[in-house]
Amino acid sequence: MTTIVIVGAGGGLGAAVARQFGHGGFDVALISRNQDRLDALAAGLTAKGVTARGFAADVRDRAALEAALDAATATLGPIEVLQYSPVPQREFMRPVLEATPADLAGPIEFSLYGPVTAVRQVLPGMRSLGRGTLLFVNGGSAVRPHPGRAGTSVAFAAESAYARMLHDTLADDNIHVGQLIIPGAIVPGDPNTDPTVLARRLWDMHSERRGFRLCAGDLDS
């Protein structure tokens, strides 16, 4: 039994991915900032037959994120899949002409330093397993910069470049790297962006291991 760790787990996409992978044979480690919410989410998943535990950490706190990933491994077992999908904070959405260097620091910590920290922490274990999957989930500004959302546009572009380099570099180690782009909001019932639909797409990215980027909808919508 191996583990998927969902960084940025919540009651929408995170819960759907936890169910998808949990019913596919994985234990599930949930990481976000609030331990009480994680415990409630884990309890709900457990009631549906998924082995899940929560580990609180802020992705902008590198030491806390490293500790949470270590605790997940010690508690649930080797991490085979890492999903990095925390939701950006509202203050990251400043217009480009108003954005200062200080305004960009938070998004870069969130969307670049956070995933770099997480990947470096789980990669040795994946190499020991002889396999692994790294999944990055981003909004549309990752591939189409939006002048009204300078922070996420700049930071998601950096995260995309990092993920693409990992995809090209780790293939020989049997570690697949993929990026799912979700234009707009995640909407229950939507044929493209319903959480269950997106979770299935992420499962397929992990299991089929084809290509790097998948877009869940029309970037022009």
Protein backbone atom coordinates (compact mmCIF):
# COMPACT_ATOMS: atom_id res chain seq x y z
CA MET A 1 0.00 0.00 0.00
CA THR A 2 1.32 3.42 -0.95
CA THR A 3 0.11 6.96 -0.32
CA ILE A 4 -1.14 9.94 -2.25
CA VAL A 5 -0.52 13.26 -0.52
CA ILE A 6 -2.83 16.12 -1.48
CA VAL A 7 -1.29 19.49 -0.67
CA GLY A 8 -4.10 22.01 -0.46
CA ALA A 9 -6.79 19.48 0.41
CA GLY A 10 -10.32 20.77 0.89
CA GLY A 11 -13.91 19.65 0.63
CA GLY A 12 -14.19 20.08 -3.16
CA LEU A 13 -11.45 18.87 -5.49
CA GLY A 14 -9.27 17.54 -2.67
CA ALA A 15 -12.04 15.35 -1.29
CA ALA A 16 -12.96 14.08 -4.76
CA VAL A 17 -9.33 13.17 -5.51
CA ALA A 18 -9.04 11.48 -2.12
CA ARG A 19 -12.07 9.31 -2.90
CA GLN A 20 -10.83 8.52 -6.41
CA PHE A 21 -7.36 7.46 -5.33
CA GLY A 22 -8.54 5.95 -2.05
CA HIS A 23 -10.92 3.62 -3.86
CA GLY A 24 -8.07 2.92 -6.29
CA GLY A 25 -5.95 1.40 -3.53
CA PHE A 26 -4.09 4.37 -2.05
CA ASP A 27 -3.95 5.64 1.49
CA VAL A 28 -4.54 9.41 1.54
CA ALA A 29 -2.57 12.13 3.31
CA LEU A 30 -4.31 15.52 3.43
CA ILE A 31 -2.33 18.74 3.94
CA SER A 32 -3.73 22.21 4.49
CA ARG A 33 -3.49 24.87 7.19
CA ASN A 34 -6.37 23.95 9.50
CA GLN A 35 -6.09 20.72 11.48
CA ASP A 36 -9.74 20.70 12.58
CA ARG A 37 -10.96 20.91 8.99
CA LEU A 38 -8.51 18.21 7.97
CA ASP A 39 -9.73 15.94 10.76
CA ALA A 40 -13.33 16.44 9.65
CA LEU A 41 -12.43 15.74 6.03
CA ALA A 42 -10.47 12.63 7.00
CA ALA A 43 -13.38 11.37 9.11
CA GLY A 44 -15.78 11.77 6.20
CA LEU A 45 -13.44 9.88 3.90
CA THR A 46 -12.94 7.13 6.46
CA ALA A 47 -16.70 6.70 6.63
CA LYS A 48 -16.63 6.03 2.88
CA GLY A 49 -13.95 3.35 3.19
CA VAL A 50 -10.87 5.51 2.49
CA THR A 51 -7.86 5.45 4.81
CA ALA A 52 -7.10 9.14 5.30
CA ARG A 53 -5.21 11.33 7.76
CA GLY A 54 -4.68 15.07 7.98
CA PHE A 55 -1.40 16.89 8.59
CA ALA A 56 -1.56 20.66 9.08
CA ALA A 57 0.97 22.90 7.37
CA ASP A 58 1.13 26.25 5.57
CA VAL A 59 2.81 25.78 2.17
CA ARG A 60 4.65 29.07 2.72
CA ASP A 61 6.31 27.61 5.83
CA ARG A 62 8.93 25.29 4.39
CA ALA A 63 9.86 23.61 7.66
CA ALA A 64 6.20 22.91 8.47
CA LEU A 65 5.54 21.50 5.00
CA GLU A 66 8.59 19.24 5.22
CA ALA A 67 7.49 18.04 8.67
CA ALA A 68 3.95 17.32 7.46
CA LEU A 69 5.24 15.26 4.53
CA ASP A 70 7.58 13.34 6.82
CA ALA A 71 4.71 12.66 9.23
CA ALA A 72 2.50 11.47 6.36
CA THR A 73 5.15 9.00 5.26
CA ALA A 74 5.76 7.76 8.79
CA THR A 75 2.02 7.34 9.46
CA LEU A 76 0.68 6.02 6.16
CA GLY A 77 3.64 4.69 4.24
CA PRO A 78 5.64 5.63 1.13
CA ILE A 79 4.35 8.53 -0.95
CA GLU A 80 3.85 7.43 -4.55
CA VAL A 81 1.72 10.39 -5.70
CA LEU A 82 2.02 14.06 -4.79
CA GLN A 83 -0.71 16.47 -5.84
CA TYR A 84 0.06 20.16 -5.35
CA SER A 85 -3.18 22.12 -5.59
CA PRO A 86 -3.64 24.75 -2.86
CA VAL A 87 -6.05 27.58 -3.75
CA PRO A 88 -4.27 30.96 -4.12
CA GLN A 89 -5.16 33.70 -1.68
CA ARG A 90 -7.29 36.62 -2.78
CA GLU A 91 -4.51 39.16 -2.20
CA PHE A 92 -2.48 37.50 -4.96
CA MET A 93 -4.94 38.88 -7.54
CA ARG A 94 -3.66 42.47 -7.82
CA PRO A 95 -3.66 44.18 -11.24
CA VAL A 96 -0.27 44.18 -12.93
CA LEU A 97 0.23 47.96 -12.78
CA GLU A 98 -0.45 47.96 -9.04
CA ALA A 99 1.76 44.98 -8.21
CA THR A 100 4.95 45.70 -6.30
CA PRO A 101 7.83 43.31 -5.61
CA ALA A 102 6.34 42.75 -2.15
CA ASP A 103 2.99 41.81 -3.74
CA LEU A 104 4.70 39.10 -5.81
CA ALA A 105 6.64 37.58 -2.92
CA GLY A 106 3.64 35.74 -1.47
CA PRO A 107 2.52 34.17 -4.76
CA ILE A 108 6.07 33.03 -5.52
CA GLU A 109 6.39 31.46 -2.05
CA PHE A 110 3.01 29.81 -2.53
CA SER A 111 3.30 28.51 -6.10
CA LEU A 112 7.04 28.01 -6.58
CA TYR A 113 8.87 27.61 -3.28
CA GLY A 114 6.03 25.46 -1.92
CA PRO A 115 6.07 22.89 -4.73
CA VAL A 116 9.86 22.86 -4.85
CA THR A 117 9.91 22.09 -1.12
CA ALA A 118 7.29 19.35 -1.49
CA VAL A 119 8.93 17.71 -4.48
CA ARG A 120 12.38 17.67 -2.89
CA GLN A 121 10.89 16.05 0.21
CA VAL A 122 9.06 13.22 -1.58
CA LEU A 123 11.42 12.53 -4.46
CA PRO A 124 13.89 10.28 -2.57
CA GLY A 125 11.02 8.02 -1.51
CA MET A 126 9.67 7.80 -5.05
CA ARG A 127 13.11 6.86 -6.32
CA SER A 128 13.29 4.14 -3.66
CA LEU A 129 9.90 2.83 -4.79
CA GLY A 130 11.03 2.89 -8.39
CA ARG A 131 7.96 4.88 -9.46
CA GLY A 132 5.97 8.00 -8.69
CA THR A 133 3.66 10.72 -9.96
CA LEU A 134 3.79 14.48 -9.41
CA LEU A 135 0.55 16.30 -10.25
CA PHE A 136 0.30 20.09 -10.41
CA VAL A 137 -3.11 21.79 -10.56
CA ASN A 138 -3.31 25.40 -11.75
CA GLY A 139 -5.75 27.97 -13.02
CA GLY A 140 -5.86 29.30 -16.55
CA SER A 141 -3.43 32.15 -15.83
CA ALA A 142 -0.67 29.52 -15.72
CA VAL A 143 -0.76 29.40 -19.51
CA ARG A 144 -2.58 32.63 -20.37
CA PRO A 145 -1.41 35.52 -18.14
CA HIS A 146 -4.21 37.79 -16.89
CA PRO A 147 -3.31 41.46 -16.23
CA GLY A 148 -5.86 41.61 -13.43
CA ARG A 149 -4.22 38.70 -11.59
CA ALA A 150 -0.54 39.54 -11.67
CA GLY A 151 0.53 37.44 -8.71
CA THR A 152 -0.95 34.16 -9.85
CA SER A 153 0.00 34.79 -13.49
CA VAL A 154 3.67 35.26 -12.61
CA ALA A 155 3.80 32.54 -9.96
CA PHE A 156 1.82 29.94 -11.92
CA ALA A 157 4.10 30.53 -14.91
CA ALA A 158 7.09 29.79 -12.69
CA GLU A 159 5.39 26.69 -11.30
CA SER A 160 4.57 25.54 -14.85
CA ALA A 161 8.18 25.93 -15.95
CA TYR A 162 9.39 24.01 -12.91
CA ALA A 163 6.87 21.21 -13.48
CA ARG A 164 7.74 20.96 -17.18
CA MET A 165 11.44 20.65 -16.37
CA LEU A 166 10.62 17.92 -13.86
CA HIS A 167 8.54 16.12 -16.50
CA ASP A 168 11.48 16.09 -18.90
CA THR A 169 14.09 15.23 -16.28
CA LEU A 170 12.36 12.53 -14.23
CA ALA A 171 10.92 10.37 -17.00
CA ASP A 172 13.98 8.11 -16.96
CA ASP A 173 13.38 7.52 -13.23
CA ASN A 174 9.84 6.24 -13.92
CA ILE A 175 8.39 9.34 -12.24
CA HIS A 176 5.62 10.96 -14.25
CA VAL A 177 4.90 14.68 -13.96
CA GLY A 178 1.66 16.23 -15.18
CA GLN A 179 -0.16 19.54 -14.98
CA LEU A 180 -3.93 19.99 -14.99
CA ILE A 181 -5.14 23.45 -15.99
CA ILE A 182 -8.60 24.40 -14.74
CA PRO A 183 -9.88 27.57 -16.47
CA GLY A 184 -12.27 29.46 -14.24
CA ALA A 185 -14.05 28.03 -11.23
CA ILE A 186 -14.59 24.44 -10.13
CA VAL A 187 -18.35 24.00 -10.50
CA PRO A 188 -20.28 20.97 -9.19
CA GLY A 189 -22.38 19.52 -12.00
CA ASP A 190 -20.31 21.10 -14.76
CA PRO A 191 -19.28 18.49 -17.36
CA ASN A 192 -15.69 19.75 -17.37
CA THR A 193 -15.03 21.17 -13.91
CA ASP A 194 -17.14 19.11 -11.52
CA PRO A 195 -14.76 17.88 -8.76
CA THR A 196 -15.49 14.23 -9.53
CA VAL A 197 -14.76 14.76 -13.23
CA LEU A 198 -11.49 16.52 -12.41
CA ALA A 199 -10.52 13.79 -9.96
CA ARG A 200 -11.01 11.21 -12.69
CA ARG A 201 -8.82 13.25 -15.03
CA LEU A 202 -6.08 13.34 -12.40
CA TRP A 203 -6.40 9.58 -11.90
CA ASP A 204 -6.05 9.07 -15.65
CA MET A 205 -2.99 11.34 -15.74
CA HIS A 206 -1.42 9.20 -13.02
CA SER A 207 -2.37 5.83 -14.47
CA GLU A 208 -1.94 6.50 -18.20
CA ARG A 209 1.22 8.66 -17.84
CA ARG A 210 0.77 10.35 -21.23
CA GLY A 211 2.04 13.85 -21.95
CA PHE A 212 2.52 16.76 -19.59
CA ARG A 213 -0.41 19.20 -19.71
CA LEU A 214 -4.15 18.67 -19.79
CA CYS A 215 -6.68 21.49 -19.92
CA ALA A 216 -10.09 20.89 -18.36
CA GLY A 217 -12.09 23.25 -20.52
CA ASP A 218 -11.82 26.21 -22.87
CA LEU A 219 -9.26 28.88 -21.95
CA ASP A 220 -11.36 31.43 -23.83
CA SER A 221 -14.46 30.80 -21.73
